[in-house]
Amino acid sequence: MGTDERGRENAGGRTVPEKGEEVGMLDADDLRSIDETILDYLADGRVTPVYCQKRLEDENLKFTRGYVHERLARLSEHDHVRNLYETGLYELVDDPRESEGEVSKS
């Protein structure tokens, strides 16, 4: 990890926001393939990290529940999904692919 001009740590070229700092929306170029798959699941309805992980396994994609939770948390911090009552049940708020015209339904 390096640091940015304000001395904040960054990972992979992304600045880690300070607590309480406003975070912008993601766009389609910022998404990983797992993010797109999770967004597809969310387009069908609410999900939990365990539910996503099990569906990914059904599609022969191996990710830990913790990693799936991290991806949902990242989508949440950018206001694309909402963690309902902080229960781990997520719903889609704003699909970042729609603003780019790149939504693909599988």
PDB file of N, CA and C in Angstrom:
ATOM      1  N   MET A   1       0.833  -1.181   0.000  1.00  0.00           N
ATOM      2  CA  MET A   1       0.000   0.000   0.000  1.00  0.00           C
ATOM      3  C   MET A   1       0.872   1.236   0.000  1.00  0.00           C
ATOM      4  N   GLY A   2       0.453   2.234  -0.756  1.00  0.00           N
ATOM      5  CA  GLY A   2       1.135   3.511  -0.777  1.00  0.00           C
ATOM      6  C   GLY A   2       0.298   4.547  -0.061  1.00  0.00           C
ATOM      7  N   THR A   3       0.634   5.816  -0.265  1.00  0.00           N
ATOM      8  CA  THR A   3      -0.160   6.892   0.318  1.00  0.00           C
ATOM      9  C   THR A   3      -0.460   7.913  -0.759  1.00  0.00           C
ATOM     10  N   ASP A   4      -1.551   8.652  -0.579  1.00  0.00           N
ATOM     11  CA  ASP A   4      -1.888   9.703  -1.524  1.00  0.00           C
ATOM     12  C   ASP A   4      -1.279  11.021  -1.054  1.00  0.00           C
ATOM     13  N   GLU A   5      -1.626  12.104  -1.768  1.00  0.00           N
ATOM     14  CA  GLU A   5      -1.041  13.404  -1.446  1.00  0.00           C
ATOM     15  C   GLU A   5      -1.424  13.915  -0.056  1.00  0.00           C
ATOM     16  N   ARG A   6      -2.503  13.388   0.523  1.00  0.00           N
ATOM     17  CA  ARG A   6      -2.917  13.791   1.872  1.00  0.00           C
ATOM     18  C   ARG A   6      -2.412  12.819   2.926  1.00  0.00           C
ATOM     19  N   GLY A   7      -1.590  11.853   2.514  1.00  0.00           N
ATOM     20  CA  GLY A   7      -1.020  10.920   3.478  1.00  0.00           C
ATOM     21  C   GLY A   7      -1.916   9.751   3.827  1.00  0.00           C
ATOM     22  N   ARG A   8      -3.034   9.584   3.091  1.00  0.00           N
ATOM     23  CA  ARG A   8      -3.932   8.462   3.343  1.00  0.00           C
ATOM     24  C   ARG A   8      -3.429   7.236   2.614  1.00  0.00           C
ATOM     25  N   GLU A   9      -3.606   6.070   3.218  1.00  0.00           N
ATOM     26  CA  GLU A   9      -3.192   4.833   2.567  1.00  0.00           C
ATOM     27  C   GLU A   9      -4.109   4.557   1.393  1.00  0.00           C
ATOM     28  N   ASN A  10      -3.539   3.929   0.351  1.00  0.00           N
ATOM     29  CA  ASN A  10      -4.371   3.498  -0.762  1.00  0.00           C
ATOM     30  C   ASN A  10      -4.000   2.079  -1.130  1.00  0.00           C
ATOM     31  N   ALA A  11      -4.951   1.381  -1.682  1.00  0.00           N
ATOM     32  CA  ALA A  11      -4.771  -0.018  -2.068  1.00  0.00           C
ATOM     33  C   ALA A  11      -5.051  -0.124  -3.558  1.00  0.00           C
ATOM     34  N   GLY A  12      -4.103  -0.648  -4.290  1.00  0.00           N
ATOM     35  CA  GLY A  12      -4.315  -0.852  -5.720  1.00  0.00           C
ATOM     36  C   GLY A  12      -4.634   0.423  -6.469  1.00  0.00           C
ATOM     37  N   GLY A  13      -4.078   1.553  -6.019  1.00  0.00           N
ATOM     38  CA  GLY A  13      -4.325   2.810  -6.695  1.00  0.00           C
ATOM     39  C   GLY A  13      -5.597   3.516  -6.252  1.00  0.00           C
ATOM     40  N   ARG A  14      -6.395   2.878  -5.386  1.00  0.00           N
ATOM     41  CA  ARG A  14      -7.626   3.492  -4.890  1.00  0.00           C
ATOM     42  C   ARG A  14      -7.357   4.089  -3.517  1.00  0.00           C
ATOM     43  N   THR A  15      -7.774   5.306  -3.311  1.00  0.00           N
ATOM     44  CA  THR A  15      -7.613   5.940  -2.011  1.00  0.00           C
ATOM     45  C   THR A  15      -8.657   5.390  -1.053  1.00  0.00           C
ATOM     46  N   VAL A  16      -8.218   5.049   0.140  1.00  0.00           N
ATOM     47  CA  VAL A  16      -9.126   4.573   1.170  1.00  0.00           C
ATOM     48  C   VAL A  16      -9.723   5.800   1.842  1.00  0.00           C
ATOM     49  N   PRO A  17     -11.059   5.978   1.794  1.00  0.00           N
ATOM     50  CA  PRO A  17     -11.655   7.179   2.366  1.00  0.00           C
ATOM     51  C   PRO A  17     -11.529   7.202   3.887  1.00  0.00           C
ATOM     52  N   GLU A  18     -11.399   8.410   4.422  1.00  0.00           N
ATOM     53  CA  GLU A  18     -11.381   8.562   5.866  1.00  0.00           C
ATOM     54  C   GLU A  18     -12.796   8.394   6.386  1.00  0.00           C
ATOM     55  N   LYS A  19     -12.925   8.007   7.651  1.00  0.00           N
ATOM     56  CA  LYS A  19     -14.235   7.812   8.249  1.00  0.00           C
ATOM     57  C   LYS A  19     -15.032   9.111   8.137  1.00  0.00           C
ATOM     58  N   GLY A  20     -16.254   9.009   7.639  1.00  0.00           N
ATOM     59  CA  GLY A  20     -17.123  10.161   7.483  1.00  0.00           C
ATOM     60  C   GLY A  20     -16.917  10.931   6.187  1.00  0.00           C
ATOM     61  N   GLU A  21     -15.880  10.580   5.419  1.00  0.00           N
ATOM     62  CA  GLU A  21     -15.620  11.253   4.153  1.00  0.00           C
ATOM     63  C   GLU A  21     -16.596  10.739   3.100  1.00  0.00           C
ATOM     64  N   GLU A  22     -17.132  11.641   2.301  1.00  0.00           N
ATOM     65  CA  GLU A  22     -18.088  11.258   1.268  1.00  0.00           C
ATOM     66  C   GLU A  22     -17.395  10.471   0.172  1.00  0.00           C
ATOM     67  N   VAL A  23     -18.054   9.413  -0.275  1.00  0.00           N
ATOM     68  CA  VAL A  23     -17.513   8.536  -1.313  1.00  0.00           C
ATOM     69  C   VAL A  23     -18.398   8.669  -2.540  1.00  0.00           C
ATOM     70  N   GLY A  24     -17.798   8.789  -3.727  1.00  0.00           N
ATOM     71  CA  GLY A  24     -18.567   8.931  -4.956  1.00  0.00           C
ATOM     72  C   GLY A  24     -19.124   7.602  -5.440  1.00  0.00           C
ATOM     73  N   MET A  25     -19.961   7.685  -6.455  1.00  0.00           N
ATOM     74  CA  MET A  25     -20.562   6.496  -7.040  1.00  0.00           C
ATOM     75  C   MET A  25     -19.530   5.787  -7.914  1.00  0.00           C
ATOM     76  N   LEU A  26     -19.703   4.478  -8.048  1.00  0.00           N
ATOM     77  CA  LEU A  26     -18.884   3.683  -8.956  1.00  0.00           C
ATOM     78  C   LEU A  26     -19.481   3.793 -10.354  1.00  0.00           C
ATOM     79  N   ASP A  27     -18.666   3.565 -11.358  1.00  0.00           N
ATOM     80  CA  ASP A  27     -19.219   3.414 -12.695  1.00  0.00           C
ATOM     81  C   ASP A  27     -18.859   2.015 -13.188  1.00  0.00           C
ATOM     82  N   ALA A  28     -19.347   1.655 -14.339  1.00  0.00           N
ATOM     83  CA  ALA A  28     -19.189   0.290 -14.849  1.00  0.00           C
ATOM     84  C   ALA A  28     -17.720  -0.125 -14.940  1.00  0.00           C
ATOM     85  N   ASP A  29     -16.828   0.811 -15.212  1.00  0.00           N
ATOM     86  CA  ASP A  29     -15.401   0.487 -15.325  1.00  0.00           C
ATOM     87  C   ASP A  29     -14.767   0.118 -13.986  1.00  0.00           C
ATOM     88  N   ASP A  30     -15.402   0.517 -12.881  1.00  0.00           N
ATOM     89  CA  ASP A  30     -14.871   0.229 -11.544  1.00  0.00           C
ATOM     90  C   ASP A  30     -15.267  -1.157 -11.039  1.00  0.00           C
ATOM     91  N   LEU A  31     -16.155  -1.832 -11.744  1.00  0.00           N
ATOM     92  CA  LEU A  31     -16.704  -3.103 -11.269  1.00  0.00           C
ATOM     93  C   LEU A  31     -15.827  -4.287 -11.641  1.00  0.00           C
ATOM     94  N   ARG A  32     -15.765  -5.240 -10.732  1.00  0.00           N
ATOM     95  CA  ARG A  32     -15.139  -6.534 -11.016  1.00  0.00           C
ATOM     96  C   ARG A  32     -16.231  -7.470 -11.519  1.00  0.00           C
ATOM     97  N   SER A  33     -15.824  -8.584 -12.103  1.00  0.00           N
ATOM     98  CA  SER A  33     -16.833  -9.514 -12.637  1.00  0.00           C
ATOM     99  C   SER A  33     -17.741 -10.033 -11.525  1.00  0.00           C
ATOM    100  N   ILE A  34     -17.203 -10.249 -10.320  1.00  0.00           N
ATOM    101  CA  ILE A  34     -18.053 -10.706  -9.217  1.00  0.00           C
ATOM    102  C   ILE A  34     -19.080  -9.638  -8.842  1.00  0.00           C
ATOM    103  N   ASP A  35     -18.701  -8.352  -8.933  1.00  0.00           N
ATOM    104  CA  ASP A  35     -19.648  -7.273  -8.647  1.00  0.00           C
ATOM    105  C   ASP A  35     -20.819  -7.330  -9.626  1.00  0.00           C
ATOM    106  N   GLU A  36     -20.501  -7.565 -10.889  1.00  0.00           N
ATOM    107  CA  GLU A  36     -21.561  -7.629 -11.892  1.00  0.00           C
ATOM    108  C   GLU A  36     -22.490  -8.816 -11.640  1.00  0.00           C
ATOM    109  N   THR A  37     -21.921  -9.946 -11.236  1.00  0.00           N
ATOM    110  CA  THR A  37     -22.737 -11.120 -10.925  1.00  0.00           C
ATOM    111  C   THR A  37     -23.629 -10.839  -9.723  1.00  0.00           C
ATOM    112  N   ILE A  38     -23.063 -10.220  -8.687  1.00  0.00           N
ATOM    113  CA  ILE A  38     -23.851  -9.871  -7.498  1.00  0.00           C
ATOM    114  C   ILE A  38     -24.959  -8.887  -7.871  1.00  0.00           C
ATOM    115  N   LEU A  39     -24.658  -7.909  -8.721  1.00  0.00           N
ATOM    116  CA  LEU A  39     -25.693  -6.971  -9.163  1.00  0.00           C
ATOM    117  C   LEU A  39     -26.802  -7.685  -9.932  1.00  0.00           C
ATOM    118  N   ASP A  40     -26.447  -8.707 -10.700  1.00  0.00           N
ATOM    119  CA  ASP A  40     -27.471  -9.507 -11.384  1.00  0.00           C
ATOM    120  C   ASP A  40     -28.383 -10.189 -10.365  1.00  0.00           C
ATOM    121  N   TYR A  41     -27.801 -10.767  -9.300  1.00  0.00           N
ATOM    122  CA  TYR A  41     -28.602 -11.402  -8.257  1.00  0.00           C
ATOM    123  C   TYR A  41     -29.514 -10.376  -7.592  1.00  0.00           C
ATOM    124  N   LEU A  42     -28.962  -9.190  -7.326  1.00  0.00           N
ATOM    125  CA  LEU A  42     -29.739  -8.140  -6.673  1.00  0.00           C
ATOM    126  C   LEU A  42     -30.880  -7.639  -7.556  1.00  0.00           C
ATOM    127  N   ALA A  43     -30.696  -7.683  -8.860  1.00  0.00           N
ATOM    128  CA  ALA A  43     -31.762  -7.276  -9.775  1.00  0.00           C
ATOM    129  C   ALA A  43     -32.965  -8.209  -9.655  1.00  0.00           C
ATOM    130  N   ASP A  44     -32.701  -9.450  -9.200  1.00  0.00           N
ATOM    131  CA  ASP A  44     -33.790 -10.421  -8.998  1.00  0.00           C
ATOM    132  C   ASP A  44     -34.454 -10.265  -7.636  1.00  0.00           C
ATOM    133  N   GLY A  45     -33.808  -9.560  -6.690  1.00  0.00           N
ATOM    134  CA  GLY A  45     -34.370  -9.373  -5.352  1.00  0.00           C
ATOM    135  C   GLY A  45     -33.281  -9.232  -4.307  1.00  0.00           C
ATOM    136  N   ARG A  46     -33.661  -9.173  -3.056  1.00  0.00           N
ATOM    137  CA  ARG A  46     -32.722  -8.999  -1.947  1.00  0.00           C
ATOM    138  C   ARG A  46     -31.841 -10.232  -1.764  1.00  0.00           C
ATOM    139  N   VAL A  47     -30.606  -9.992  -1.265  1.00  0.00           N
ATOM    140  CA  VAL A  47     -29.646 -11.082  -1.083  1.00  0.00           C
ATOM    141  C   VAL A  47     -28.894 -10.914   0.234  1.00  0.00           C
ATOM    142  N   THR A  48     -28.286 -12.014   0.684  1.00  0.00           N
ATOM    143  CA  THR A  48     -27.328 -12.002   1.790  1.00  0.00           C
ATOM    144  C   THR A  48     -25.993 -12.484   1.222  1.00  0.00           C
ATOM    145  N   PRO A  49     -24.890 -12.234   1.939  1.00  0.00           N
ATOM    146  CA  PRO A  49     -23.607 -12.755   1.459  1.00  0.00           C
ATOM    147  C   PRO A  49     -23.618 -14.275   1.297  1.00  0.00           C
ATOM    148  N   VAL A  50     -24.258 -14.990   2.218  1.00  0.00           N
ATOM    149  CA  VAL A  50     -24.316 -16.451   2.130  1.00  0.00           C
ATOM    150  C   VAL A  50     -25.097 -16.873   0.886  1.00  0.00           C
ATOM    151  N   TYR A  51     -26.228 -16.237   0.641  1.00  0.00           N
ATOM    152  CA  TYR A  51     -27.022 -16.538  -0.544  1.00  0.00           C
ATOM    153  C   TYR A  51     -26.190 -16.335  -1.813  1.00  0.00           C
ATOM    154  N   CYS A  52     -25.489 -15.195  -1.902  1.00  0.00           N
ATOM    155  CA  CYS A  52     -24.648 -14.925  -3.081  1.00  0.00           C
ATOM    156  C   CYS A  52     -23.565 -15.984  -3.230  1.00  0.00           C
ATOM    157  N   GLN A  53     -22.911 -16.312  -2.132  1.00  0.00           N
ATOM    158  CA  GLN A  53     -21.835 -17.302  -2.195  1.00  0.00           C
ATOM    159  C   GLN A  53     -22.358 -18.646  -2.687  1.00  0.00           C
ATOM    160  N   LYS A  54     -23.515 -19.076  -2.193  1.00  0.00           N
ATOM    161  CA  LYS A  54     -24.092 -20.360  -2.621  1.00  0.00           C
ATOM    162  C   LYS A  54     -24.454 -20.329  -4.110  1.00  0.00           C
ATOM    163  N   ARG A  55     -25.021 -19.213  -4.583  1.00  0.00           N
ATOM    164  CA  ARG A  55     -25.335 -19.116  -6.018  1.00  0.00           C
ATOM    165  C   ARG A  55     -24.066 -19.120  -6.857  1.00  0.00           C
ATOM    166  N   LEU A  56     -23.032 -18.436  -6.379  1.00  0.00           N
ATOM    167  CA  LEU A  56     -21.750 -18.449  -7.085  1.00  0.00           C
ATOM    168  C   LEU A  56     -21.201 -19.869  -7.163  1.00  0.00           C
ATOM    169  N   GLU A  57     -21.301 -20.616  -6.055  1.00  0.00           N
ATOM    170  CA  GLU A  57     -20.849 -22.020  -6.054  1.00  0.00           C
ATOM    171  C   GLU A  57     -21.613 -22.835  -7.080  1.00  0.00           C
ATOM    172  N   ASP A  58     -22.945 -22.605  -7.177  1.00  0.00           N
ATOM    173  CA  ASP A  58     -23.763 -23.313  -8.168  1.00  0.00           C
ATOM    174  C   ASP A  58     -23.280 -23.048  -9.592  1.00  0.00           C
ATOM    175  N   GLU A  59     -22.657 -21.891  -9.794  1.00  0.00           N
ATOM    176  CA  GLU A  59     -22.133 -21.526 -11.105  1.00  0.00           C
ATOM    177  C   GLU A  59     -20.639 -21.850 -11.215  1.00  0.00           C
ATOM    178  N   ASN A  60     -20.147 -22.688 -10.276  1.00  0.00           N
ATOM    179  CA  ASN A  60     -18.743 -23.109 -10.235  1.00  0.00           C
ATOM    180  C   ASN A  60     -17.770 -21.947 -10.078  1.00  0.00           C
ATOM    181  N   LEU A  61     -18.188 -20.913  -9.356  1.00  0.00           N
ATOM    182  CA  LEU A  61     -17.331 -19.783  -9.022  1.00  0.00           C
ATOM    183  C   LEU A  61     -17.054 -19.860  -7.532  1.00  0.00           C
ATOM    184  N   LYS A  62     -15.793 -19.934  -7.155  1.00  0.00           N
ATOM    185  CA  LYS A  62     -15.414 -20.147  -5.760  1.00  0.00           C
ATOM    186  C   LYS A  62     -14.936 -18.844  -5.115  1.00  0.00           C
ATOM    187  N   PHE A  63     -15.748 -18.302  -4.231  1.00  0.00           N
ATOM    188  CA  PHE A  63     -15.398 -17.125  -3.447  1.00  0.00           C
ATOM    189  C   PHE A  63     -15.836 -17.384  -2.010  1.00  0.00           C
ATOM    190  N   THR A  64     -15.080 -16.862  -1.057  1.00  0.00           N
ATOM    191  CA  THR A  64     -15.472 -17.031   0.345  1.00  0.00           C
ATOM    192  C   THR A  64     -16.632 -16.104   0.666  1.00  0.00           C
ATOM    193  N   ARG A  65     -17.368 -16.468   1.701  1.00  0.00           N
ATOM    194  CA  ARG A  65     -18.461 -15.611   2.153  1.00  0.00           C
ATOM    195  C   ARG A  65     -17.915 -14.245   2.552  1.00  0.00           C
ATOM    196  N   GLY A  66     -16.732 -14.227   3.179  1.00  0.00           N
ATOM    197  CA  GLY A  66     -16.115 -12.970   3.581  1.00  0.00           C
ATOM    198  C   GLY A  66     -15.813 -12.061   2.404  1.00  0.00           C
ATOM    199  N   TYR A  67     -15.321 -12.641   1.302  1.00  0.00           N
ATOM    200  CA  TYR A  67     -15.020 -11.840   0.125  1.00  0.00           C
ATOM    201  C   TYR A  67     -16.301 -11.297  -0.497  1.00  0.00           C
ATOM    202  N   VAL A  68     -17.337 -12.138  -0.549  1.00  0.00           N
ATOM    203  CA  VAL A  68     -18.626 -11.683  -1.085  1.00  0.00           C
ATOM    204  C   VAL A  68     -19.149 -10.539  -0.220  1.00  0.00           C
ATOM    205  N   HIS A  69     -19.007 -10.670   1.100  1.00  0.00           N
ATOM    206  CA  HIS A  69     -19.432  -9.601   2.014  1.00  0.00           C
ATOM    207  C   HIS A  69     -18.656  -8.316   1.731  1.00  0.00           C
ATOM    208  N   GLU A  70     -17.343  -8.414   1.487  1.00  0.00           N
ATOM    209  CA  GLU A  70     -16.536  -7.237   1.160  1.00  0.00           C
ATOM    210  C   GLU A  70     -17.046  -6.547  -0.097  1.00  0.00           C
ATOM    211  N   ARG A  71     -17.400  -7.330  -1.103  1.00  0.00           N
ATOM    212  CA  ARG A  71     -17.894  -6.746  -2.357  1.00  0.00           C
ATOM    213  C   ARG A  71     -19.231  -6.045  -2.135  1.00  0.00           C
ATOM    214  N   LEU A  72     -20.129  -6.680  -1.346  1.00  0.00           N
ATOM    215  CA  LEU A  72     -21.407  -6.040  -1.028  1.00  0.00           C
ATOM    216  C   LEU A  72     -21.181  -4.760  -0.223  1.00  0.00           C
ATOM    217  N   ALA A  73     -20.240  -4.798   0.707  1.00  0.00           N
ATOM    218  CA  ALA A  73     -19.935  -3.607   1.514  1.00  0.00           C
ATOM    219  C   ALA A  73     -19.408  -2.480   0.622  1.00  0.00           C
ATOM    220  N   ARG A  74     -18.580  -2.826  -0.360  1.00  0.00           N
ATOM    221  CA  ARG A  74     -18.059  -1.801  -1.283  1.00  0.00           C
ATOM    222  C   ARG A  74     -19.203  -1.196  -2.099  1.00  0.00           C
ATOM    223  N   LEU A  75     -20.089  -2.030  -2.594  1.00  0.00           N
ATOM    224  CA  LEU A  75     -21.247  -1.509  -3.331  1.00  0.00           C
ATOM    225  C   LEU A  75     -22.113  -0.642  -2.420  1.00  0.00           C
ATOM    226  N   SER A  76     -22.203  -1.011  -1.158  1.00  0.00           N
ATOM    227  CA  SER A  76     -22.990  -0.247  -0.194  1.00  0.00           C
ATOM    228  C   SER A  76     -22.347   1.106   0.106  1.00  0.00           C
ATOM    229  N   GLU A  77     -21.031   1.132   0.277  1.00  0.00           N
ATOM    230  CA  GLU A  77     -20.376   2.408   0.605  1.00  0.00           C
ATOM    231  C   GLU A  77     -20.454   3.397  -0.543  1.00  0.00           C
ATOM    232  N   HIS A  78     -20.718   2.900  -1.740  1.00  0.00           N
ATOM    233  CA  HIS A  78     -20.889   3.768  -2.904  1.00  0.00           C
ATOM    234  C   HIS A  78     -22.370   3.972  -3.243  1.00  0.00           C
ATOM    235  N   ASP A  79     -23.246   3.596  -2.320  1.00  0.00           N
ATOM    236  CA  ASP A  79     -24.695   3.833  -2.428  1.00  0.00           C
ATOM    237  C   ASP A  79     -25.366   3.119  -3.593  1.00  0.00           C
ATOM    238  N   HIS A  80     -24.828   1.975  -3.996  1.00  0.00           N
ATOM    239  CA  HIS A  80     -25.480   1.185  -5.039  1.00  0.00           C
ATOM    240  C   HIS A  80     -26.400   0.130  -4.434  1.00  0.00           C
ATOM    241  N   VAL A  81     -26.074  -0.321  -3.225  1.00  0.00           N
ATOM    242  CA  VAL A  81     -26.928  -1.252  -2.497  1.00  0.00           C
ATOM    243  C   VAL A  81     -27.108  -0.733  -1.078  1.00  0.00           C
ATOM    244  N   ARG A  82     -28.146  -1.229  -0.404  1.00  0.00           N
ATOM    245  CA  ARG A  82     -28.434  -0.832   0.967  1.00  0.00           C
ATOM    246  C   ARG A  82     -28.481  -2.078   1.837  1.00  0.00           C
ATOM    247  N   ASN A  83     -27.777  -2.029   2.973  1.00  0.00           N
ATOM    248  CA  ASN A  83     -27.818  -3.093   3.971  1.00  0.00           C
ATOM    249  C   ASN A  83     -28.998  -2.788   4.885  1.00  0.00           C
ATOM    250  N   LEU A  84     -30.074  -3.526   4.720  1.00  0.00           N
ATOM    251  CA  LEU A  84     -31.312  -3.230   5.441  1.00  0.00           C
ATOM    252  C   LEU A  84     -31.159  -3.432   6.946  1.00  0.00           C
ATOM    253  N   TYR A  85     -31.331  -2.359   7.685  1.00  0.00           N
ATOM    254  CA  TYR A  85     -31.257  -2.384   9.154  1.00  0.00           C
ATOM    255  C   TYR A  85     -29.971  -3.029   9.665  1.00  0.00           C
ATOM    256  N   GLU A  86     -28.890  -2.938   8.851  1.00  0.00           N
ATOM    257  CA  GLU A  86     -27.594  -3.519   9.221  1.00  0.00           C
ATOM    258  C   GLU A  86     -27.716  -5.006   9.589  1.00  0.00           C
ATOM    259  N   THR A  87     -28.560  -5.732   8.854  1.00  0.00           N
ATOM    260  CA  THR A  87     -28.800  -7.160   9.121  1.00  0.00           C
ATOM    261  C   THR A  87     -28.012  -8.074   8.195  1.00  0.00           C
ATOM    262  N   GLY A  88     -27.383  -7.518   7.159  1.00  0.00           N
ATOM    263  CA  GLY A  88     -26.719  -8.353   6.171  1.00  0.00           C
ATOM    264  C   GLY A  88     -27.640  -8.751   5.028  1.00  0.00           C
ATOM    265  N   LEU A  89     -28.836  -8.188   5.009  1.00  0.00           N
ATOM    266  CA  LEU A  89     -29.765  -8.377   3.898  1.00  0.00           C
ATOM    267  C   LEU A  89     -29.663  -7.132   3.022  1.00  0.00           C
ATOM    268  N   TYR A  90     -29.251  -7.329   1.774  1.00  0.00           N
ATOM    269  CA  TYR A  90     -28.972  -6.205   0.879  1.00  0.00           C
ATOM    270  C   TYR A  90     -30.023  -6.106  -0.217  1.00  0.00           C
ATOM    271  N   GLU A  91     -30.311  -4.848  -0.615  1.00  0.00           N
ATOM    272  CA  GLU A  91     -31.188  -4.610  -1.759  1.00  0.00           C
ATOM    273  C   GLU A  91     -30.530  -3.601  -2.687  1.00  0.00           C
ATOM    274  N   LEU A  92     -30.865  -3.707  -3.943  1.00  0.00           N
ATOM    275  CA  LEU A  92     -30.314  -2.832  -4.980  1.00  0.00           C
ATOM    276  C   LEU A  92     -30.951  -1.451  -4.878  1.00  0.00           C
ATOM    277  N   VAL A  93     -30.115  -0.416  -4.918  1.00  0.00           N
ATOM    278  CA  VAL A  93     -30.582   0.968  -4.904  1.00  0.00           C
ATOM    279  C   VAL A  93     -30.363   1.600  -6.274  1.00  0.00           C
ATOM    280  N   ASP A  94     -29.145   1.442  -6.808  1.00  0.00           N
ATOM    281  CA  ASP A  94     -28.781   2.077  -8.067  1.00  0.00           C
ATOM    282  C   ASP A  94     -27.733   1.211  -8.767  1.00  0.00           C
ATOM    283  N   ASP A  95     -28.100   0.653  -9.890  1.00  0.00           N
ATOM    284  CA  ASP A  95     -27.172  -0.207 -10.631  1.00  0.00           C
ATOM    285  C   ASP A  95     -26.202   0.665 -11.425  1.00  0.00           C
ATOM    286  N   PRO A  96     -24.905   0.626 -11.098  1.00  0.00           N
ATOM    287  CA  PRO A  96     -23.950   1.492 -11.795  1.00  0.00           C
ATOM    288  C   PRO A  96     -23.812   1.180 -13.281  1.00  0.00           C
ATOM    289  N   ARG A  97     -24.247   0.007 -13.703  1.00  0.00           N
ATOM    290  CA  ARG A  97     -24.166  -0.349 -15.122  1.00  0.00           C
ATOM    291  C   ARG A  97     -25.227   0.365 -15.936  1.00  0.00           C
ATOM    292  N   GLU A  98     -26.340   0.738 -15.318  1.00  0.00           N
ATOM    293  CA  GLU A  98     -27.433   1.379 -16.051  1.00  0.00           C
ATOM    294  C   GLU A  98     -27.063   2.757 -16.555  1.00  0.00           C
ATOM    295  N   SER A  99     -26.307   3.498 -15.784  1.00  0.00           N
ATOM    296  CA  SER A  99     -25.918   4.838 -16.221  1.00  0.00           C
ATOM    297  C   SER A  99     -24.991   4.790 -17.426  1.00  0.00           C
ATOM    298  N   GLU A 100     -24.320   3.663 -17.597  1.00  0.00           N
ATOM    299  CA  GLU A 100     -23.407   3.487 -18.727  1.00  0.00           C
ATOM    300  C   GLU A 100     -24.083   2.819 -19.909  1.00  0.00           C
ATOM    301  N   GLY A 101     -25.327   2.353 -19.728  1.00  0.00           N
ATOM    302  CA  GLY A 101     -26.009   1.641 -20.796  1.00  0.00           C
ATOM    303  C   GLY A 101     -25.441   0.262 -21.046  1.00  0.00           C
ATOM    304  N   GLU A 102     -24.853  -0.351 -19.984  1.00  0.00           N
ATOM    305  CA  GLU A 102     -24.176  -1.642 -20.161  1.00  0.00           C
ATOM    306  C   GLU A 102     -24.826  -2.747 -19.342  1.00  0.00           C
ATOM    307  N   VAL A 103     -26.094  -2.642 -19.029  1.00  0.00           N
ATOM    308  CA  VAL A 103     -26.736  -3.674 -18.235  1.00  0.00           C
ATOM    309  C   VAL A 103     -26.883  -4.928 -19.055  1.00  0.00           C
ATOM    310  N   SER A 104     -26.452  -6.034 -18.467  1.00  0.00           N
ATOM    311  CA  SER A 104     -26.609  -7.316 -19.145  1.00  0.00           C
ATOM    312  C   SER A 104     -27.312  -8.271 -18.219  1.00  0.00           C
ATOM    313  N   LYS A 105     -28.436  -8.777 -18.637  1.00  0.00           N
ATOM    314  CA  LYS A 105     -29.183  -9.747 -17.838  1.00  0.00           C
ATOM    315  C   LYS A 105     -28.801 -11.135 -18.287  1.00  0.00           C
ATOM    316  N   SER A 106     -28.473 -11.998 -17.319  1.00  0.00           N
ATOM    317  CA  SER A 106     -28.139 -13.368 -17.694  1.00  0.00           C
ATOM    318  C   SER A 106     -29.254 -14.303 -17.361  1.00  0.00           C
TER     319      SER A 106
END
